[in-house]
N, C-alpha and C. Protein backbone atom coordinates (compact mmCIF):
# COMPACT_ATOMS: atom_id res chain seq x y z
N UNK A 1 10.11 -5.25 22.76
CA UNK A 1 9.04 -4.63 22.01
C UNK A 1 7.77 -5.46 22.15
N UNK A 2 6.66 -4.85 21.82
CA UNK A 2 5.37 -5.49 22.00
C UNK A 2 4.54 -5.40 20.74
N UNK A 3 3.57 -6.27 20.64
CA UNK A 3 2.51 -6.14 19.67
C UNK A 3 1.23 -6.50 20.39
N UNK A 4 0.12 -6.47 19.72
CA UNK A 4 -1.15 -6.63 20.39
C UNK A 4 -1.89 -7.84 19.89
N UNK A 5 -2.60 -8.49 20.79
CA UNK A 5 -3.44 -9.61 20.41
C UNK A 5 -4.78 -9.46 21.12
N UNK A 6 -5.74 -10.20 20.66
CA UNK A 6 -7.08 -10.12 21.22
C UNK A 6 -7.22 -11.10 22.36
N UNK A 7 -7.81 -10.64 23.43
CA UNK A 7 -8.10 -11.51 24.55
C UNK A 7 -9.57 -11.31 24.90
N UNK A 8 -10.33 -12.39 25.04
CA UNK A 8 -11.73 -12.31 25.42
C UNK A 8 -11.82 -12.53 26.92
N UNK A 9 -12.42 -11.59 27.61
CA UNK A 9 -12.61 -11.72 29.05
C UNK A 9 -14.06 -12.05 29.32
N UNK A 10 -14.29 -12.99 30.17
CA UNK A 10 -15.64 -13.32 30.60
C UNK A 10 -15.72 -12.90 32.07
N UNK A 11 -16.37 -11.77 32.34
CA UNK A 11 -16.33 -11.20 33.67
C UNK A 11 -17.18 -11.91 34.71
N UNK A 12 -17.81 -13.00 34.35
CA UNK A 12 -18.69 -13.70 35.28
C UNK A 12 -18.01 -14.92 35.86
N UNK A 13 -18.30 -15.24 37.07
CA UNK A 13 -17.81 -16.47 37.67
C UNK A 13 -18.68 -17.62 37.21
N UNK A 14 -18.23 -18.82 37.43
CA UNK A 14 -19.00 -20.00 37.02
C UNK A 14 -20.37 -20.00 37.69
N UNK A 15 -20.43 -19.64 38.95
CA UNK A 15 -21.70 -19.61 39.67
C UNK A 15 -22.66 -18.61 39.04
N UNK A 16 -22.15 -17.41 38.76
CA UNK A 16 -22.99 -16.38 38.16
C UNK A 16 -23.47 -16.81 36.78
N UNK A 17 -22.58 -17.42 36.00
CA UNK A 17 -22.97 -17.90 34.66
C UNK A 17 -24.07 -18.94 34.80
N UNK A 18 -23.93 -19.84 35.76
CA UNK A 18 -24.95 -20.86 35.96
C UNK A 18 -26.29 -20.24 36.32
N UNK A 19 -26.26 -19.24 37.20
CA UNK A 19 -27.50 -18.57 37.59
C UNK A 19 -28.14 -17.88 36.39
N UNK A 20 -27.32 -17.17 35.61
CA UNK A 20 -27.86 -16.47 34.44
C UNK A 20 -28.41 -17.43 33.41
N UNK A 21 -27.70 -18.54 33.19
CA UNK A 21 -28.20 -19.52 32.22
C UNK A 21 -29.50 -20.14 32.70
N UNK A 22 -29.57 -20.42 33.98
CA UNK A 22 -30.81 -20.97 34.53
C UNK A 22 -31.96 -19.98 34.36
N UNK A 23 -31.64 -18.71 34.46
CA UNK A 23 -32.67 -17.68 34.33
C UNK A 23 -32.95 -17.35 32.86
N UNK A 24 -32.19 -17.95 31.95
CA UNK A 24 -32.43 -17.71 30.53
C UNK A 24 -31.82 -16.42 30.03
N UNK A 25 -30.84 -15.87 30.75
CA UNK A 25 -30.20 -14.62 30.34
C UNK A 25 -28.87 -14.93 29.65
N UNK A 26 -28.50 -14.14 28.66
CA UNK A 26 -27.22 -14.30 27.97
C UNK A 26 -26.18 -13.41 28.63
N UNK A 27 -24.96 -13.89 28.66
CA UNK A 27 -23.88 -13.06 29.18
C UNK A 27 -23.13 -12.43 28.02
N UNK A 28 -22.70 -11.22 28.20
CA UNK A 28 -21.96 -10.50 27.16
C UNK A 28 -20.47 -10.69 27.37
N UNK A 29 -19.72 -10.65 26.29
CA UNK A 29 -18.27 -10.74 26.36
C UNK A 29 -17.69 -9.35 26.16
N UNK A 30 -16.63 -9.07 26.88
CA UNK A 30 -15.94 -7.81 26.72
C UNK A 30 -14.60 -8.09 26.07
N UNK A 31 -14.30 -7.39 24.98
CA UNK A 31 -13.03 -7.58 24.29
C UNK A 31 -12.01 -6.61 24.86
N UNK A 32 -10.83 -7.12 25.08
CA UNK A 32 -9.72 -6.31 25.58
C UNK A 32 -8.50 -6.61 24.71
N UNK A 33 -7.81 -5.57 24.28
CA UNK A 33 -6.59 -5.76 23.51
C UNK A 33 -5.45 -5.87 24.51
N UNK A 34 -4.74 -6.96 24.46
CA UNK A 34 -3.68 -7.26 25.41
C UNK A 34 -2.32 -7.06 24.75
N UNK A 35 -1.44 -6.35 25.41
CA UNK A 35 -0.09 -6.14 24.91
C UNK A 35 0.76 -7.35 25.29
N UNK A 36 1.45 -7.92 24.31
CA UNK A 36 2.31 -9.08 24.55
C UNK A 36 3.67 -8.82 23.93
N UNK A 37 4.68 -9.55 24.39
CA UNK A 37 6.02 -9.39 23.83
C UNK A 37 6.05 -9.86 22.38
N UNK A 38 6.79 -9.14 21.56
CA UNK A 38 6.98 -9.54 20.17
C UNK A 38 7.80 -10.82 20.16
N UNK A 39 7.53 -11.66 19.22
CA UNK A 39 8.24 -12.93 19.11
C UNK A 39 8.99 -12.99 17.79
N UNK A 40 10.09 -13.71 17.75
CA UNK A 40 10.79 -13.87 16.48
C UNK A 40 9.87 -14.54 15.46
N UNK A 41 10.05 -14.18 14.21
CA UNK A 41 9.21 -14.74 13.17
C UNK A 41 10.06 -15.09 11.96
N UNK A 42 9.61 -16.06 11.22
CA UNK A 42 10.26 -16.43 9.97
C UNK A 42 9.55 -15.78 8.79
N UNK A 43 8.53 -14.99 9.06
CA UNK A 43 7.75 -14.37 7.99
C UNK A 43 8.57 -13.28 7.30
N UNK A 44 8.56 -13.32 5.95
CA UNK A 44 9.26 -12.31 5.15
C UNK A 44 8.37 -11.73 4.07
N UNK A 45 7.36 -12.47 3.67
CA UNK A 45 6.50 -11.98 2.59
C UNK A 45 5.45 -11.04 3.17
N UNK A 46 4.99 -10.11 2.33
CA UNK A 46 3.96 -9.18 2.75
C UNK A 46 2.71 -9.86 3.29
N UNK A 47 2.16 -10.84 2.55
CA UNK A 47 0.96 -11.50 3.05
C UNK A 47 1.18 -12.20 4.40
N UNK A 48 2.32 -12.85 4.56
CA UNK A 48 2.59 -13.54 5.83
C UNK A 48 2.78 -12.56 6.98
N UNK A 49 3.51 -11.48 6.74
CA UNK A 49 3.70 -10.46 7.77
C UNK A 49 2.37 -9.82 8.14
N UNK A 50 1.57 -9.52 7.13
CA UNK A 50 0.26 -8.91 7.37
C UNK A 50 -0.58 -9.82 8.25
N UNK A 51 -0.65 -11.08 7.88
CA UNK A 51 -1.46 -12.05 8.62
C UNK A 51 -0.98 -12.15 10.08
N UNK A 52 0.32 -12.13 10.28
CA UNK A 52 0.88 -12.31 11.61
C UNK A 52 0.77 -11.06 12.49
N UNK A 53 0.94 -9.87 11.90
CA UNK A 53 1.04 -8.66 12.70
C UNK A 53 -0.11 -7.66 12.52
N UNK A 54 -0.80 -7.67 11.41
CA UNK A 54 -1.78 -6.62 11.10
C UNK A 54 -3.23 -7.08 11.14
N UNK A 55 -3.46 -8.33 10.76
CA UNK A 55 -4.83 -8.82 10.58
C UNK A 55 -5.66 -8.79 11.86
N UNK A 56 -5.03 -8.89 13.01
CA UNK A 56 -5.78 -8.90 14.26
C UNK A 56 -6.61 -7.62 14.41
N UNK A 57 -6.10 -6.50 13.90
CA UNK A 57 -6.86 -5.24 13.97
C UNK A 57 -7.52 -4.90 12.63
N UNK A 58 -6.75 -5.00 11.54
CA UNK A 58 -7.24 -4.57 10.24
C UNK A 58 -8.05 -5.64 9.51
N UNK A 59 -8.08 -6.85 10.02
CA UNK A 59 -8.85 -7.93 9.42
C UNK A 59 -8.09 -8.64 8.33
N UNK A 60 -8.44 -9.89 8.10
CA UNK A 60 -7.78 -10.70 7.09
C UNK A 60 -7.91 -10.07 5.71
N UNK A 61 -9.01 -9.36 5.48
CA UNK A 61 -9.26 -8.74 4.18
C UNK A 61 -8.83 -7.28 4.12
N UNK A 62 -8.32 -6.73 5.24
CA UNK A 62 -7.84 -5.35 5.25
C UNK A 62 -8.91 -4.30 5.46
N UNK A 63 -10.14 -4.71 5.73
CA UNK A 63 -11.25 -3.76 5.85
C UNK A 63 -11.39 -3.13 7.24
N UNK A 64 -10.48 -3.42 8.15
CA UNK A 64 -10.56 -2.83 9.49
C UNK A 64 -11.48 -3.59 10.42
N UNK A 65 -11.74 -4.84 10.09
CA UNK A 65 -12.71 -5.63 10.84
C UNK A 65 -12.09 -6.84 11.51
N UNK A 66 -10.85 -6.71 11.97
CA UNK A 66 -10.18 -7.82 12.64
C UNK A 66 -10.82 -8.13 13.98
N UNK A 67 -10.48 -9.26 14.57
CA UNK A 67 -11.09 -9.66 15.83
C UNK A 67 -10.84 -8.67 16.97
N UNK A 68 -9.77 -7.89 16.92
CA UNK A 68 -9.49 -6.92 17.98
C UNK A 68 -10.05 -5.53 17.67
N UNK A 69 -10.56 -5.32 16.48
CA UNK A 69 -10.99 -3.98 16.04
C UNK A 69 -12.02 -3.36 16.97
N UNK A 70 -12.98 -4.13 17.41
CA UNK A 70 -14.04 -3.55 18.25
C UNK A 70 -13.55 -3.19 19.64
N UNK A 71 -12.37 -3.65 20.04
CA UNK A 71 -11.82 -3.31 21.36
C UNK A 71 -10.93 -2.08 21.31
N UNK A 72 -10.64 -1.57 20.12
CA UNK A 72 -9.75 -0.42 19.99
C UNK A 72 -10.48 0.87 20.32
N UNK A 73 -9.76 1.84 20.86
CA UNK A 73 -10.33 3.16 21.14
C UNK A 73 -10.61 3.91 19.85
N UNK A 74 -9.73 3.74 18.86
CA UNK A 74 -9.88 4.35 17.55
C UNK A 74 -10.08 3.23 16.54
N UNK A 75 -11.04 3.36 15.66
CA UNK A 75 -11.33 2.32 14.68
C UNK A 75 -10.11 2.01 13.82
N UNK A 76 -9.95 0.73 13.53
CA UNK A 76 -8.87 0.31 12.63
C UNK A 76 -9.21 0.78 11.22
N UNK A 77 -8.23 1.28 10.52
CA UNK A 77 -8.41 1.80 9.17
C UNK A 77 -8.70 0.69 8.18
N UNK A 78 -9.57 0.98 7.22
CA UNK A 78 -9.79 0.08 6.08
C UNK A 78 -8.60 0.30 5.15
N UNK A 79 -7.69 -0.65 5.14
CA UNK A 79 -6.47 -0.49 4.36
C UNK A 79 -6.68 -0.66 2.86
N UNK A 80 -7.84 -1.16 2.47
CA UNK A 80 -8.10 -1.37 1.04
C UNK A 80 -8.52 -0.10 0.32
N UNK A 81 -8.76 0.97 1.07
CA UNK A 81 -9.23 2.22 0.46
C UNK A 81 -8.23 3.36 0.59
N UNK A 82 -7.00 3.05 0.91
CA UNK A 82 -5.98 4.10 1.08
C UNK A 82 -5.81 4.90 -0.20
N UNK A 83 -5.65 4.22 -1.31
CA UNK A 83 -5.45 4.93 -2.59
C UNK A 83 -6.67 5.78 -2.92
N UNK A 84 -7.86 5.23 -2.76
CA UNK A 84 -9.08 5.97 -3.06
C UNK A 84 -9.16 7.25 -2.23
N UNK A 85 -8.76 7.16 -0.97
CA UNK A 85 -8.81 8.33 -0.08
C UNK A 85 -7.68 9.33 -0.36
N UNK A 86 -6.76 8.97 -1.26
CA UNK A 86 -5.64 9.83 -1.61
C UNK A 86 -5.63 10.10 -3.12
N UNK A 87 -6.78 10.51 -3.65
CA UNK A 87 -6.92 10.84 -5.07
C UNK A 87 -6.48 9.70 -5.98
N UNK A 88 -6.82 8.48 -5.60
CA UNK A 88 -6.51 7.27 -6.36
C UNK A 88 -5.02 7.05 -6.57
N UNK A 89 -4.22 7.54 -5.65
CA UNK A 89 -2.77 7.31 -5.68
C UNK A 89 -2.36 6.68 -4.35
N UNK A 90 -1.62 5.61 -4.41
CA UNK A 90 -1.16 4.93 -3.21
C UNK A 90 0.05 5.69 -2.66
N UNK A 91 -0.05 6.28 -1.46
CA UNK A 91 1.04 7.07 -0.89
C UNK A 91 2.09 6.18 -0.21
N UNK A 92 2.89 5.54 -1.02
CA UNK A 92 3.85 4.54 -0.54
C UNK A 92 4.74 5.05 0.59
N UNK A 93 5.31 6.23 0.43
CA UNK A 93 6.21 6.78 1.45
C UNK A 93 5.47 7.02 2.77
N UNK A 94 4.26 7.55 2.68
CA UNK A 94 3.46 7.80 3.89
C UNK A 94 3.14 6.49 4.61
N UNK A 95 2.78 5.46 3.87
CA UNK A 95 2.46 4.15 4.46
C UNK A 95 3.71 3.58 5.11
N UNK A 96 4.84 3.73 4.46
CA UNK A 96 6.11 3.26 5.04
C UNK A 96 6.39 4.00 6.36
N UNK A 97 6.17 5.30 6.39
CA UNK A 97 6.40 6.08 7.59
C UNK A 97 5.44 5.67 8.72
N UNK A 98 4.20 5.39 8.38
CA UNK A 98 3.23 4.95 9.39
C UNK A 98 3.67 3.62 10.00
N UNK A 99 4.05 2.68 9.15
CA UNK A 99 4.47 1.37 9.65
C UNK A 99 5.72 1.49 10.51
N UNK A 100 6.67 2.32 10.08
CA UNK A 100 7.90 2.50 10.85
C UNK A 100 7.65 3.15 12.20
N UNK A 101 6.63 4.00 12.27
CA UNK A 101 6.36 4.70 13.50
C UNK A 101 6.88 6.11 13.51
N UNK A 102 6.84 6.77 12.35
CA UNK A 102 7.27 8.15 12.25
C UNK A 102 6.52 8.99 13.29
N UNK A 103 7.24 9.73 14.12
CA UNK A 103 6.57 10.50 15.18
C UNK A 103 5.63 11.59 14.66
N UNK A 104 5.76 11.98 13.40
CA UNK A 104 4.86 12.98 12.83
C UNK A 104 3.54 12.39 12.35
N UNK A 105 3.44 11.07 12.36
CA UNK A 105 2.22 10.38 11.93
C UNK A 105 1.76 9.53 13.11
N UNK A 106 0.76 9.99 13.86
CA UNK A 106 0.41 9.36 15.12
C UNK A 106 -0.30 8.00 15.04
N UNK A 107 -0.78 7.57 13.90
CA UNK A 107 -1.61 6.36 13.83
C UNK A 107 -0.97 5.17 14.53
N UNK A 108 0.25 4.83 14.21
CA UNK A 108 0.88 3.66 14.81
C UNK A 108 1.77 4.00 15.98
N UNK A 109 1.79 5.24 16.41
CA UNK A 109 2.61 5.60 17.54
C UNK A 109 1.81 5.84 18.80
N UNK A 110 0.50 5.67 18.71
CA UNK A 110 -0.34 5.89 19.89
C UNK A 110 -0.29 4.66 20.79
N UNK A 111 -0.94 4.77 21.91
CA UNK A 111 -1.00 3.64 22.83
C UNK A 111 -1.81 2.49 22.23
N UNK A 112 -2.67 2.77 21.26
CA UNK A 112 -3.50 1.73 20.65
C UNK A 112 -2.74 0.86 19.65
N UNK A 113 -1.78 1.44 18.96
CA UNK A 113 -1.15 0.70 17.88
C UNK A 113 0.37 0.70 18.01
N UNK A 114 0.98 -0.44 17.75
CA UNK A 114 2.43 -0.53 17.87
C UNK A 114 3.15 0.15 16.70
N UNK A 115 4.37 0.54 16.95
CA UNK A 115 5.22 1.03 15.86
C UNK A 115 5.99 -0.18 15.35
N UNK A 116 5.57 -0.67 14.20
CA UNK A 116 6.12 -1.92 13.69
C UNK A 116 7.60 -1.81 13.36
N UNK A 117 8.07 -0.63 13.02
CA UNK A 117 9.50 -0.49 12.76
C UNK A 117 10.32 -0.93 13.95
N UNK A 118 9.94 -0.49 15.14
CA UNK A 118 10.65 -0.89 16.35
C UNK A 118 10.48 -2.37 16.65
N UNK A 119 9.28 -2.89 16.42
CA UNK A 119 9.05 -4.32 16.65
C UNK A 119 9.91 -5.14 15.71
N UNK A 120 9.92 -4.79 14.42
CA UNK A 120 10.71 -5.55 13.46
C UNK A 120 12.21 -5.45 13.76
N UNK A 121 12.65 -4.29 14.23
CA UNK A 121 14.06 -4.16 14.61
C UNK A 121 14.38 -5.06 15.80
N UNK A 122 13.46 -5.18 16.73
CA UNK A 122 13.71 -5.98 17.93
C UNK A 122 13.76 -7.48 17.63
N UNK A 123 13.12 -7.92 16.56
CA UNK A 123 13.10 -9.35 16.25
C UNK A 123 13.97 -9.70 15.05
N UNK A 124 14.70 -8.72 14.52
CA UNK A 124 15.55 -8.94 13.35
C UNK A 124 17.01 -8.92 13.75
N UNK A 125 17.82 -9.59 12.96
CA UNK A 125 19.26 -9.62 13.22
C UNK A 125 19.89 -8.25 13.00
N UNK A 126 19.32 -7.47 12.07
CA UNK A 126 19.84 -6.13 11.84
C UNK A 126 18.76 -5.24 11.23
N UNK A 127 19.06 -3.95 11.14
CA UNK A 127 18.10 -2.98 10.63
C UNK A 127 17.66 -3.24 9.20
N UNK A 128 18.55 -3.81 8.39
CA UNK A 128 18.20 -4.08 6.99
C UNK A 128 17.05 -5.08 6.91
N UNK A 129 17.03 -6.07 7.79
CA UNK A 129 15.95 -7.05 7.79
C UNK A 129 14.63 -6.40 8.18
N UNK A 130 14.68 -5.48 9.13
CA UNK A 130 13.47 -4.75 9.53
C UNK A 130 12.94 -3.95 8.34
N UNK A 131 13.82 -3.28 7.62
CA UNK A 131 13.42 -2.51 6.42
C UNK A 131 12.79 -3.41 5.37
N UNK A 132 13.35 -4.59 5.18
CA UNK A 132 12.81 -5.53 4.20
C UNK A 132 11.37 -5.91 4.57
N UNK A 133 11.13 -6.14 5.85
CA UNK A 133 9.79 -6.51 6.29
C UNK A 133 8.82 -5.34 6.09
N UNK A 134 9.26 -4.16 6.43
CA UNK A 134 8.41 -2.97 6.25
C UNK A 134 8.07 -2.79 4.78
N UNK A 135 9.06 -2.90 3.92
CA UNK A 135 8.82 -2.75 2.48
C UNK A 135 7.89 -3.83 1.94
N UNK A 136 8.01 -5.05 2.46
CA UNK A 136 7.11 -6.13 2.04
C UNK A 136 5.67 -5.81 2.44
N UNK A 137 5.48 -5.25 3.63
CA UNK A 137 4.13 -4.86 4.06
C UNK A 137 3.59 -3.72 3.22
N UNK A 138 4.42 -2.72 2.92
CA UNK A 138 4.00 -1.58 2.10
C UNK A 138 3.53 -2.09 0.73
N UNK A 139 4.28 -2.99 0.14
CA UNK A 139 3.92 -3.55 -1.17
C UNK A 139 2.64 -4.35 -1.09
N UNK A 140 2.49 -5.16 -0.05
CA UNK A 140 1.27 -5.96 0.10
C UNK A 140 0.04 -5.07 0.26
N UNK A 141 0.15 -4.05 1.09
CA UNK A 141 -0.99 -3.15 1.28
C UNK A 141 -1.36 -2.46 -0.04
N UNK A 142 -0.37 -2.16 -0.84
CA UNK A 142 -0.65 -1.59 -2.17
C UNK A 142 -1.42 -2.60 -3.03
N UNK A 143 -1.09 -3.86 -2.92
CA UNK A 143 -1.74 -4.89 -3.73
C UNK A 143 -3.20 -5.11 -3.35
N UNK A 144 -3.58 -4.78 -2.12
CA UNK A 144 -4.98 -5.02 -1.71
C UNK A 144 -5.87 -3.80 -1.91
N UNK A 145 -5.36 -2.78 -2.58
CA UNK A 145 -6.19 -1.59 -2.85
C UNK A 145 -7.33 -1.96 -3.80
N UNK A 146 -8.53 -1.37 -3.55
CA UNK A 146 -9.67 -1.61 -4.45
C UNK A 146 -9.89 -0.38 -5.29
């Protein structure tokens, strides 16, 4: 299984950078989201799991402003406003389904976003541990609602 991390590419060679710097021009960076293999983790708490797997896109504060957010084809969701966007009710089951990768909810099943249920299953000793991690994330996301 895979998850995503941010990789900064500098498309210029050293010679070109030197020429541009000498000319007083700035070079732009292009952000690319790179797919990497999932790694085993000791994280079990919602905040730790969020920091390790979600913050790269959704940001440390959950506002959708993570370091990889600008490289995504679809903007990362502001996770702090889920309840507000659902008549001030946190849709716990829907969030659980999104994290698991329910095929009827495309957000985490697209090429842009991993299905964390499969990732957690791949790095867990059994399915129950994957469920525990998903539930911890669901609870944490509920706690960061504004």
